[in-house]
């Protein structure tokens, strides 16, 4: 049985990835320091082929030990959050994540040289295209446009440079997986979330889907949205993203390649608000909007090209926003009732 180390396995995307790996028959070692949410329970915690280690991905010795006997490493650990999170902690995001990626590469280089590690699959971000001025954003464009202005986007671009540099000097094979706007269940407020009001309701993790859902559930009317509402996003289901990440990890044509992993469906924030409002309030209740001042790094268009992943990996994210909301709204409703959102 092949074994995969997943750093950040208790995180939002990491949880979906660990679940997908176990479903495909891999043994999984997860490492997480629980710094974002605290301890969280996952459905697969007692799976016979899953081992969870509480530890810090900045610890090179720990990472080297965990990589012993591993065939693959999915490097997903990062200090990460929604838009208010990377406005609140710009230095910490940059410094912490640089230390995590350097330690991850150091350990992986040693494991590839001395053990059986075949490849590292790095989780990057759509924020590498923060400064894009034409769309859709193609793989490779991140090296042609101006660098991201946010420290988070800049650091995620650095992850991709680490991957290339580790190959150039040490021939450590890589794949870069670039998720776009993950949406799903299982996320709660971060321990370090800033207290930010949007109208009379506190922002929920600064991620737009849970934020808007919880506002509607709590009775906010008119509904507050950040910015004009014309911002374009591609809301991609967590299970689809996990399938894309694991496929990229194992596919031979993914070696030393980068992939945008995303739905092909564009949605404005206003369209999202209308869909959420209709599902919760039903027909006949008019939606009224208040436009709050946006954050500095509120990217107006984030539109990926998805043809490369389809052509090389046979991967498509097929879950519609309507289907996503049918799963996410009840989960957030329960979370609101229990006080976790």
Protein backbone atom coordinates (compact mmCIF):
# COMPACT_ATOMS: atom_id res chain seq x y z
CA UNK A 1 0.00 0.00 0.00
CA UNK A 2 1.37 3.40 -0.96
CA UNK A 3 1.69 5.98 1.80
CA UNK A 4 1.09 9.73 1.59
CA UNK A 5 2.06 12.44 4.07
CA UNK A 6 -0.44 15.33 4.17
CA UNK A 7 0.62 18.44 6.03
CA UNK A 8 -2.25 20.59 7.23
CA UNK A 9 -4.50 17.53 7.26
CA UNK A 10 -6.88 19.03 9.84
CA UNK A 11 -7.48 22.07 7.66
CA UNK A 12 -10.41 22.78 5.37
CA UNK A 13 -8.97 21.50 2.09
CA UNK A 14 -6.63 19.09 3.89
CA UNK A 15 -9.57 17.24 5.38
CA UNK A 16 -11.14 16.68 1.98
CA UNK A 17 -7.76 15.53 0.61
CA UNK A 18 -7.16 13.02 3.41
CA UNK A 19 -10.65 11.62 2.92
CA UNK A 20 -10.12 11.27 -0.85
CA UNK A 21 -6.76 9.53 -0.39
CA UNK A 22 -8.26 6.99 2.01
CA UNK A 23 -11.13 6.41 -0.41
CA UNK A 24 -8.60 5.59 -3.14
CA UNK A 25 -6.80 3.06 -0.96
CA UNK A 26 -3.75 4.99 0.24
CA UNK A 27 -2.31 4.91 3.74
CA UNK A 28 -2.31 8.49 5.03
CA UNK A 29 -0.16 10.20 7.64
CA UNK A 30 -1.57 13.59 8.58
CA UNK A 31 0.32 16.29 10.45
CA UNK A 32 -1.24 19.42 11.90
CA UNK A 33 -0.58 21.74 14.84
CA UNK A 34 -4.28 22.69 15.19
CA UNK A 35 -3.29 26.36 15.31
CA UNK A 36 -6.22 27.58 13.23
CA UNK A 37 -9.32 25.90 14.67
CA UNK A 38 -8.04 23.93 17.62
CA UNK A 39 -8.73 20.20 17.63
CA UNK A 40 -11.36 19.09 15.17
CA UNK A 41 -13.00 15.71 14.72
CA UNK A 42 -12.96 14.14 11.27
CA UNK A 43 -15.09 11.27 10.05
CA UNK A 44 -12.00 9.22 9.19
CA UNK A 45 -10.07 9.74 12.46
CA UNK A 46 -10.45 6.04 13.35
CA UNK A 47 -9.76 4.74 9.84
CA UNK A 48 -7.22 1.87 10.10
CA UNK A 49 -5.00 3.41 7.42
CA UNK A 50 -4.96 6.94 8.87
CA UNK A 51 -2.41 8.23 11.37
CA UNK A 52 -2.69 11.76 12.74
CA UNK A 53 0.39 13.40 14.26
CA UNK A 54 0.13 16.62 16.22
CA UNK A 55 3.16 18.64 15.20
CA UNK A 56 4.47 21.70 13.43
CA UNK A 57 5.33 21.56 9.74
CA UNK A 58 8.18 24.02 10.44
CA UNK A 59 10.00 21.23 12.32
CA UNK A 60 12.36 19.76 9.72
CA UNK A 61 13.37 16.80 11.90
CA UNK A 62 9.73 15.87 12.47
CA UNK A 63 8.91 16.17 8.79
CA UNK A 64 11.89 14.03 7.82
CA UNK A 65 10.77 11.31 10.26
CA UNK A 66 7.20 11.39 8.96
CA UNK A 67 8.37 11.13 5.36
CA UNK A 68 10.21 7.87 6.02
CA UNK A 69 8.41 5.22 4.00
CA UNK A 70 6.18 7.72 2.19
CA UNK A 71 5.71 7.59 -1.57
CA UNK A 72 4.11 11.03 -1.85
CA UNK A 73 3.94 14.27 0.11
CA UNK A 74 1.04 16.70 -0.26
CA UNK A 75 2.38 19.96 1.17
CA UNK A 76 -0.73 21.79 2.27
CA UNK A 77 0.16 23.23 5.67
CA UNK A 78 -0.09 27.01 5.81
CA UNK A 79 -1.34 29.85 7.93
CA UNK A 80 -4.40 30.70 5.87
CA UNK A 81 -7.77 32.37 6.16
CA UNK A 82 -10.27 34.53 4.36
CA UNK A 83 -9.77 38.06 3.17
CA UNK A 84 -9.91 39.71 6.62
CA UNK A 85 -7.44 37.11 7.92
CA UNK A 86 -4.69 38.10 5.52
CA UNK A 87 -5.37 41.78 6.12
CA UNK A 88 -5.07 41.25 9.88
CA UNK A 89 -1.92 39.09 9.82
CA UNK A 90 0.10 40.13 6.74
CA UNK A 91 3.54 39.66 8.32
CA UNK A 92 2.68 36.48 10.20
CA UNK A 93 1.27 34.90 7.05
CA UNK A 94 4.40 35.71 5.08
CA UNK A 95 6.92 34.72 7.76
CA UNK A 96 5.16 31.60 9.01
CA UNK A 97 4.37 30.23 5.58
CA UNK A 98 7.89 30.83 4.31
CA UNK A 99 9.23 28.81 7.24
CA UNK A 100 6.71 26.04 6.57
CA UNK A 101 7.55 25.75 2.88
CA UNK A 102 11.31 25.87 3.48
CA UNK A 103 11.09 23.14 6.12
CA UNK A 104 8.81 21.07 3.89
CA UNK A 105 11.25 21.28 1.00
CA UNK A 106 14.27 20.54 3.20
CA UNK A 107 12.61 17.40 4.53
CA UNK A 108 11.34 16.32 1.11
CA UNK A 109 14.73 16.78 -0.53
CA UNK A 110 16.28 14.49 2.09
CA UNK A 111 13.45 11.93 1.79
CA UNK A 112 13.73 11.85 -2.00
CA UNK A 113 17.50 11.43 -1.81
CA UNK A 114 17.56 8.80 0.94
CA UNK A 115 14.15 7.14 0.83
CA UNK A 116 11.30 6.30 -1.50
CA UNK A 117 9.57 9.69 -1.77
CA UNK A 118 8.67 10.10 -5.43
CA UNK A 119 7.15 13.57 -5.62
CA UNK A 120 5.81 16.57 -3.72
CA UNK A 121 2.41 18.01 -4.60
CA UNK A 122 2.30 21.61 -3.43
CA UNK A 123 -0.93 23.47 -2.71
CA UNK A 124 -0.72 26.97 -4.10
CA UNK A 125 -3.57 29.46 -4.52
CA UNK A 126 -5.56 31.39 -7.09
CA UNK A 127 -4.12 34.50 -5.41
CA UNK A 128 -0.95 34.11 -7.47
CA UNK A 129 -3.09 35.69 -10.22
CA UNK A 130 -4.03 38.63 -8.01
CA UNK A 131 -2.53 41.17 -10.42
CA UNK A 132 -3.96 39.61 -13.59
CA UNK A 133 -5.29 42.05 -16.18
CA UNK A 134 -6.70 39.54 -18.67
CA UNK A 135 -8.79 36.42 -18.21
CA UNK A 136 -9.06 33.52 -17.99
CA UNK A 137 -5.78 33.11 -16.09
CA UNK A 138 -3.64 30.49 -17.79
CA UNK A 139 -1.03 28.31 -16.09
CA UNK A 140 2.27 30.14 -16.57
CA UNK A 141 0.69 33.58 -16.56
CA UNK A 142 1.71 33.99 -12.90
CA UNK A 143 5.31 34.48 -14.07
CA UNK A 144 4.39 37.07 -16.69
CA UNK A 145 2.13 39.46 -14.75
CA UNK A 146 3.14 41.74 -11.86
CA UNK A 147 3.58 39.88 -8.55
CA UNK A 148 0.70 39.83 -6.08
CA UNK A 149 0.37 42.87 -3.82
CA UNK A 150 -0.92 40.98 -0.79
CA UNK A 151 1.63 39.19 1.36
CA UNK A 152 -0.49 36.03 1.17
CA UNK A 153 -0.60 36.01 -2.63
CA UNK A 154 3.12 36.81 -2.80
CA UNK A 155 3.95 33.94 -0.44
CA UNK A 156 1.86 31.47 -2.43
CA UNK A 157 3.76 32.52 -5.54
CA UNK A 158 6.95 31.84 -3.55
CA UNK A 159 5.69 28.29 -2.90
CA UNK A 160 5.74 27.73 -6.64
CA UNK A 161 9.28 29.10 -6.87
CA UNK A 162 10.37 26.78 -4.04
CA UNK A 163 8.95 23.84 -6.00
CA UNK A 164 10.83 24.80 -9.14
CA UNK A 165 14.07 25.56 -7.29
CA UNK A 166 14.02 22.21 -5.45
CA UNK A 167 13.74 20.51 -8.83
CA UNK A 168 16.42 22.66 -10.48
CA UNK A 169 19.00 21.99 -7.76
CA UNK A 170 18.00 18.64 -6.27
CA UNK A 171 15.76 17.06 -8.95
CA UNK A 172 12.87 16.76 -6.48
CA UNK A 173 9.84 16.15 -8.74
CA UNK A 174 6.80 18.33 -8.11
CA UNK A 175 3.26 19.13 -9.06
CA UNK A 176 1.60 22.46 -8.23
CA UNK A 177 -2.13 22.35 -7.51
CA UNK A 178 -3.85 25.73 -7.53
CA UNK A 179 -7.35 25.58 -5.95
CA UNK A 180 -9.94 28.27 -6.65
CA UNK A 181 -12.47 29.35 -4.00
CA UNK A 182 -13.04 26.13 -2.09
CA UNK A 183 -16.56 25.75 -0.69
CA UNK A 184 -17.77 22.92 1.51
CA UNK A 185 -18.58 21.82 5.03
CA UNK A 186 -16.48 21.35 8.14
CA UNK A 187 -14.98 24.81 8.56
CA UNK A 188 -15.42 26.92 11.69
CA UNK A 189 -14.18 30.30 12.84
CA UNK A 190 -10.41 30.53 13.18
CA UNK A 191 -9.10 30.97 16.71
CA UNK A 192 -7.40 34.21 15.68
CA UNK A 193 -10.23 35.67 13.62
CA UNK A 194 -10.53 39.43 13.91
CA UNK A 195 -13.80 40.89 15.20
CA UNK A 196 -15.23 42.57 12.10
CA UNK A 197 -18.85 43.62 11.83
CA UNK A 198 -20.69 43.65 8.52
CA UNK A 199 -23.85 45.53 9.33
CA UNK A 200 -25.13 44.02 12.57
CA UNK A 201 -23.51 40.60 12.03
CA UNK A 202 -19.91 39.55 12.56
CA UNK A 203 -18.13 38.28 9.45
CA UNK A 204 -17.94 34.48 9.25
CA UNK A 205 -14.34 33.57 8.46
CA UNK A 206 -14.31 36.24 5.74
CA UNK A 207 -15.24 33.55 3.22
CA UNK A 208 -18.15 34.82 1.24
CA UNK A 209 -20.36 31.72 1.14
CA UNK A 210 -20.54 31.00 4.89
CA UNK A 211 -20.61 34.74 5.55
CA UNK A 212 -23.66 35.38 3.40
CA UNK A 213 -25.45 32.22 4.53
CA UNK A 214 -25.05 33.02 8.21
CA UNK A 215 -26.18 36.62 7.68
CA UNK A 216 -29.39 35.50 5.98
CA UNK A 217 -30.00 32.82 8.62
CA UNK A 218 -29.55 35.43 11.36
CA UNK A 219 -32.13 37.65 9.71
CA UNK A 220 -29.97 40.41 8.30
CA UNK A 221 -32.11 42.54 5.99
CA UNK A 222 -30.91 44.42 4.01
CA UNK A 223 -28.06 42.04 3.33
CA UNK A 224 -24.54 43.48 3.57
CA UNK A 225 -21.97 42.48 0.96
CA UNK A 226 -18.40 43.67 0.59
CA UNK A 227 -17.79 45.86 -2.44
CA UNK A 228 -19.97 46.25 -5.50
CA UNK A 229 -21.08 42.63 -5.72
CA UNK A 230 -19.70 42.40 -9.25
CA UNK A 231 -16.57 40.53 -8.12
CA UNK A 232 -16.29 37.30 -10.14
CA UNK A 233 -15.41 34.03 -8.45
CA UNK A 234 -15.41 30.31 -9.26
CA UNK A 235 -16.90 28.51 -6.26
CA UNK A 236 -15.49 24.99 -6.31
CA UNK A 237 -16.68 22.09 -4.19
CA UNK A 238 -14.16 20.73 -1.68
CA UNK A 239 -14.63 17.12 -2.80
CA UNK A 240 -14.01 18.11 -6.41
CA UNK A 241 -10.84 19.95 -5.41
CA UNK A 242 -9.63 16.97 -3.41
CA UNK A 243 -10.23 14.68 -6.39
CA UNK A 244 -8.22 17.05 -8.57
CA UNK A 245 -5.37 17.29 -6.07
CA UNK A 246 -5.08 13.53 -5.61
CA UNK A 247 -5.35 12.93 -9.36
CA UNK A 248 -2.56 15.46 -9.91
CA UNK A 249 -0.49 13.71 -7.25
CA UNK A 250 -0.73 10.30 -8.87
CA UNK A 251 -0.95 11.10 -12.58
CA UNK A 252 2.30 10.55 -14.55
CA UNK A 253 1.60 13.52 -16.83
CA UNK A 254 1.49 15.86 -13.83
CA UNK A 255 5.21 15.59 -13.13
CA UNK A 256 6.73 19.09 -12.89
CA UNK A 257 3.48 20.70 -14.04
CA UNK A 258 1.08 23.21 -12.50
CA UNK A 259 -2.71 23.08 -12.66
CA UNK A 260 -5.61 25.39 -11.98
CA UNK A 261 -8.21 23.28 -10.18
CA UNK A 262 -11.61 24.89 -10.41
CA UNK A 263 -15.13 24.78 -11.67
CA UNK A 264 -15.56 26.44 -15.04
CA UNK A 265 -18.64 28.32 -13.75
CA UNK A 266 -18.28 32.07 -13.13
CA UNK A 267 -20.49 33.67 -10.48
CA UNK A 268 -20.61 37.23 -9.22
CA UNK A 269 -20.94 37.87 -5.51
CA UNK A 270 -24.34 39.44 -6.17
CA UNK A 271 -25.50 36.32 -8.04
CA UNK A 272 -24.26 34.23 -5.13
CA UNK A 273 -26.20 36.40 -2.67
CA UNK A 274 -29.35 36.05 -4.77
CA UNK A 275 -29.00 32.25 -4.89
CA UNK A 276 -28.46 31.97 -1.13
CA UNK A 277 -31.34 34.35 -0.38
CA UNK A 278 -33.74 32.40 -2.60
CA UNK A 279 -32.82 29.04 -1.05
CA UNK A 280 -33.28 30.28 2.51
CA UNK A 281 -36.08 32.84 2.15
CA UNK A 282 -37.97 31.30 -0.75
CA UNK A 283 -39.88 33.08 -3.47
CA UNK A 284 -41.60 36.37 -2.86
CA UNK A 285 -39.20 37.88 -0.33
CA UNK A 286 -37.33 40.72 -2.03
CA UNK A 287 -33.57 40.92 -1.59
CA UNK A 288 -32.23 44.30 -0.50
CA UNK A 289 -28.47 44.92 -0.62
CA UNK A 290 -26.12 47.27 1.23
CA UNK A 291 -22.66 47.60 -0.31
CA UNK A 292 -19.97 47.88 2.36
CA UNK A 293 -16.48 49.18 1.65
CA UNK A 294 -14.31 46.34 0.30
CA UNK A 295 -10.98 45.21 1.69
CA UNK A 296 -7.83 46.46 -0.04
CA UNK A 297 -7.00 43.13 -1.69
CA UNK A 298 -10.52 42.23 -2.80
CA UNK A 299 -9.65 40.96 -6.27
CA UNK A 300 -12.35 41.92 -8.76
CA UNK A 301 -11.96 39.02 -11.19
CA UNK A 302 -10.62 35.58 -10.42
CA UNK A 303 -11.30 33.48 -13.50
CA UNK A 304 -9.19 30.38 -14.22
CA UNK A 305 -8.43 28.54 -17.39
CA UNK A 306 -9.29 24.90 -16.66
CA UNK A 307 -8.42 23.23 -19.97
CA UNK A 308 -4.96 22.00 -18.93
CA UNK A 309 -6.29 19.94 -16.01
CA UNK A 310 -8.95 18.45 -18.26
CA UNK A 311 -6.50 17.68 -21.07
CA UNK A 312 -3.62 16.21 -19.04
CA UNK A 313 -5.41 14.82 -15.99
CA UNK A 314 -8.92 14.19 -17.26
CA UNK A 315 -10.12 16.30 -14.32
CA UNK A 316 -13.23 18.46 -14.25
CA UNK A 317 -14.95 20.02 -11.24
CA UNK A 318 -18.57 19.19 -12.00
CA UNK A 319 -20.51 20.01 -8.82
CA UNK A 320 -22.72 23.03 -9.46
CA UNK A 321 -23.11 25.96 -7.09
CA UNK A 322 -26.75 24.96 -6.63
CA UNK A 323 -25.69 21.48 -5.45
CA UNK A 324 -23.01 22.97 -3.19
CA UNK A 325 -25.49 25.29 -1.50
CA UNK A 326 -27.93 22.42 -0.92
CA UNK A 327 -25.24 20.76 1.21
CA UNK A 328 -23.58 23.81 2.74
CA UNK A 329 -26.65 25.78 3.88
CA UNK A 330 -27.98 23.06 6.24
CA UNK A 331 -24.49 22.53 7.65
CA UNK A 332 -24.01 26.24 8.32
CA UNK A 333 -27.50 26.39 9.85
CA UNK A 334 -26.48 23.72 12.34
CA UNK A 335 -23.20 25.53 13.00
CA UNK A 336 -25.03 28.80 13.66
CA UNK A 337 -27.35 27.02 16.10
CA UNK A 338 -24.38 25.46 17.92
CA UNK A 339 -22.47 28.75 18.01
CA UNK A 340 -19.43 27.72 15.96
CA UNK A 341 -20.24 30.29 13.25
